[in-house]
Amino acid sequence: MSTSNQISAEIPAVVIEKVLKALQESKEALAPYLHALTDNERRALFKMGDKTIATVQKVKSYIETNPEFAPAYMDKAEFLKDEKVAAQLSPLNSLTEQLAADLNDTVMLAGSEALVSAMLYYGQVKEAYKKGITTSKPIYEDLSKRFTKKSNPST
């Protein structure tokens, strides 16, 4: 178990409040334009990725320069709106994915380091309890509930 400290930060409460407010304001501003999908809806959709973005943009260009090839049953106005929304939201999506990944990594790292330290403290309390140091008993009894291994009923 490593005790190296890879992260040492104290985030001021004002920074957390500022970021929460900005994220909430962003969520509220975009809410009328966003559409949540069920898992089944997500699976059923064609997905636009790096390769297909260029295809959609080329079709947009061709529809604008050669509209005679657009099928009569294709809603050109809706296609153009959909392409524009996808193009507008794509940079926001990329930024939020980067932010989410960085947040997840930082929470994982800080949490891991905190848990390692907690386990070290518990080990010391456990040792003190085993040696009969009476002041360690209530701490040990409380923490031991959290650190006991549960038996695997399938073995």
Protein backbone atom coordinates (compact mmCIF):
# COMPACT_ATOMS: atom_id res chain seq x y z
CA MET A 1 0.00 0.00 0.00
CA SER A 2 1.66 3.20 -1.16
CA THR A 3 1.59 6.31 1.00
CA SER A 4 2.94 8.63 -1.69
CA ASN A 5 0.99 11.83 -1.97
CA GLN A 6 0.13 12.63 -5.58
CA ILE A 7 -2.41 15.32 -4.84
CA SER A 8 -2.23 18.06 -2.26
CA ALA A 9 -4.89 20.65 -2.80
CA GLU A 10 -7.37 22.69 -0.85
CA ILE A 11 -10.10 24.08 -3.05
CA PRO A 12 -11.54 27.28 -1.59
CA ALA A 13 -15.29 27.07 -0.95
CA VAL A 14 -15.76 30.20 -3.07
CA VAL A 15 -14.29 28.36 -6.08
CA ILE A 16 -16.62 25.38 -5.60
CA GLU A 17 -19.61 27.72 -5.21
CA LYS A 18 -18.61 29.67 -8.34
CA VAL A 19 -18.23 26.51 -10.43
CA LEU A 20 -21.49 24.99 -9.15
CA LYS A 21 -23.31 28.22 -9.97
CA ALA A 22 -21.79 28.38 -13.46
CA LEU A 23 -22.63 24.74 -14.16
CA GLN A 24 -26.19 25.17 -12.88
CA GLU A 25 -26.64 28.31 -14.99
CA SER A 26 -25.30 26.45 -18.04
CA LYS A 27 -27.63 23.53 -17.42
CA GLU A 28 -30.63 25.85 -17.03
CA ALA A 29 -29.71 27.86 -20.14
CA LEU A 30 -29.46 24.73 -22.29
CA ALA A 31 -32.40 22.85 -20.74
CA PRO A 32 -34.98 23.95 -23.34
CA TYR A 33 -32.76 22.64 -26.14
CA LEU A 34 -31.61 19.33 -24.65
CA HIS A 35 -33.37 16.01 -25.05
CA ALA A 36 -32.80 13.03 -22.76
CA LEU A 37 -32.95 9.54 -24.26
CA THR A 38 -33.79 6.16 -22.81
CA ASP A 39 -31.27 3.34 -23.14
CA ASN A 40 -33.42 1.78 -25.87
CA GLU A 41 -33.63 5.05 -27.77
CA ARG A 42 -29.84 5.45 -27.56
CA ARG A 43 -29.27 1.94 -28.92
CA ALA A 44 -31.71 2.46 -31.80
CA LEU A 45 -30.13 5.67 -33.12
CA PHE A 46 -27.54 6.06 -35.84
CA LYS A 47 -24.53 7.62 -34.12
CA MET A 48 -22.64 10.53 -35.62
CA GLY A 49 -18.92 10.19 -34.93
CA ASP A 50 -15.68 11.66 -36.21
CA LYS A 51 -16.04 10.10 -39.66
CA THR A 52 -19.74 10.83 -40.12
CA ILE A 53 -19.47 14.47 -39.01
CA ALA A 54 -17.63 15.20 -42.25
CA THR A 55 -20.30 13.33 -44.23
CA VAL A 56 -23.12 15.37 -42.68
CA GLN A 57 -21.21 18.61 -43.30
CA LYS A 58 -20.59 17.65 -46.95
CA VAL A 59 -24.28 16.83 -47.44
CA LYS A 60 -25.17 20.20 -45.90
CA SER A 61 -22.88 21.90 -48.39
CA TYR A 62 -24.33 19.94 -51.31
CA ILE A 63 -27.92 20.61 -50.23
CA GLU A 64 -27.12 24.31 -50.25
CA THR A 65 -25.41 24.21 -53.66
CA ASN A 66 -27.41 21.43 -55.32
CA PRO A 67 -30.85 21.33 -53.66
CA GLU A 68 -32.39 19.51 -56.63
CA PHE A 69 -30.99 16.21 -55.32
CA ALA A 70 -32.70 16.46 -51.93
CA PRO A 71 -35.52 13.89 -51.82
CA ALA A 72 -38.99 15.38 -51.67
CA TYR A 73 -39.69 13.43 -48.46
CA MET A 74 -36.57 14.88 -46.76
CA ASP A 75 -37.27 17.84 -44.51
CA LYS A 76 -34.38 20.08 -45.55
CA ALA A 77 -35.12 22.74 -42.92
CA GLU A 78 -35.08 20.14 -40.13
CA PHE A 79 -31.86 18.61 -41.48
CA LEU A 80 -30.18 22.03 -41.41
CA LYS A 81 -31.46 22.71 -37.86
CA ASP A 82 -30.29 19.29 -36.63
CA GLU A 83 -26.85 19.73 -38.20
CA LYS A 84 -26.51 23.17 -36.66
CA VAL A 85 -27.48 21.98 -33.16
CA ALA A 86 -25.05 19.06 -33.40
CA ALA A 87 -22.28 21.42 -34.53
CA GLN A 88 -23.07 23.97 -31.80
CA LEU A 89 -23.22 21.43 -28.97
CA SER A 90 -20.24 19.34 -30.04
CA PRO A 91 -17.58 21.68 -28.54
CA LEU A 92 -19.62 21.97 -25.33
CA ASN A 93 -19.89 18.19 -25.17
CA SER A 94 -16.14 17.79 -25.66
CA LEU A 95 -15.38 20.32 -22.95
CA THR A 96 -17.78 18.77 -20.46
CA GLU A 97 -16.43 15.28 -21.19
CA GLN A 98 -12.89 16.55 -20.49
CA LEU A 99 -14.10 18.25 -17.31
CA ALA A 100 -15.96 15.12 -16.19
CA ALA A 101 -12.91 12.93 -16.83
CA ASP A 102 -10.64 15.31 -14.90
CA LEU A 103 -13.16 15.53 -12.04
CA ASN A 104 -13.52 11.74 -11.90
CA ASP A 105 -9.75 11.24 -11.88
CA THR A 106 -9.21 13.84 -9.17
CA VAL A 107 -12.02 12.46 -6.99
CA MET A 108 -10.61 8.96 -7.45
CA LEU A 109 -7.05 10.03 -6.60
CA ALA A 110 -8.00 12.16 -3.58
CA GLY A 111 -10.41 9.48 -2.38
CA SER A 112 -7.79 6.76 -2.73
CA GLU A 113 -5.23 8.77 -0.79
CA ALA A 114 -7.77 9.57 1.92
CA LEU A 115 -8.77 5.90 2.17
CA VAL A 116 -5.14 4.78 2.45
CA SER A 117 -4.62 7.25 5.30
CA ALA A 118 -7.87 6.13 6.96
CA MET A 119 -6.70 2.51 6.76
CA LEU A 120 -3.35 3.46 8.30
CA TYR A 121 -5.17 5.20 11.16
CA TYR A 122 -7.48 2.22 11.63
CA GLY A 123 -4.48 -0.13 11.70
CA GLN A 124 -2.90 1.96 14.46
CA VAL A 125 -6.16 2.01 16.45
CA LYS A 126 -6.53 -1.76 15.99
CA GLU A 127 -2.99 -2.30 17.25
CA ALA A 128 -3.65 -0.06 20.27
CA TYR A 129 -6.87 -1.97 21.00
CA LYS A 130 -5.04 -5.32 20.84
CA LYS A 131 -2.47 -3.96 23.32
CA GLY A 132 -5.24 -3.01 25.76
CA ILE A 133 -5.14 0.76 25.42
CA THR A 134 -8.61 1.55 26.73
CA THR A 135 -9.11 4.86 24.92
CA SER A 136 -8.81 3.02 21.60
CA LYS A 137 -11.75 0.68 22.33
CA PRO A 138 -14.68 2.94 21.27
CA ILE A 139 -12.81 4.06 18.16
CA TYR A 140 -11.89 0.49 17.24
CA GLU A 141 -15.44 -0.77 17.81
CA ASP A 142 -16.85 2.00 15.64
CA LEU A 143 -14.31 1.70 12.81
CA SER A 144 -14.10 -2.10 12.84
CA LYS A 145 -17.67 -2.20 11.49
CA ARG A 146 -16.41 -0.43 8.38
CA PHE A 147 -13.24 -2.44 7.90
CA THR A 148 -14.45 -5.99 8.49
CA LYS A 149 -14.31 -8.26 5.50
CA LYS A 150 -17.61 -9.85 4.60
CA SER A 151 -17.47 -13.54 3.97
CA ASN A 152 -18.28 -14.77 0.48
CA PRO A 153 -21.36 -17.03 0.77
CA SER A 154 -20.56 -18.78 -2.53
CA THR A 155 -17.34 -20.34 -1.20
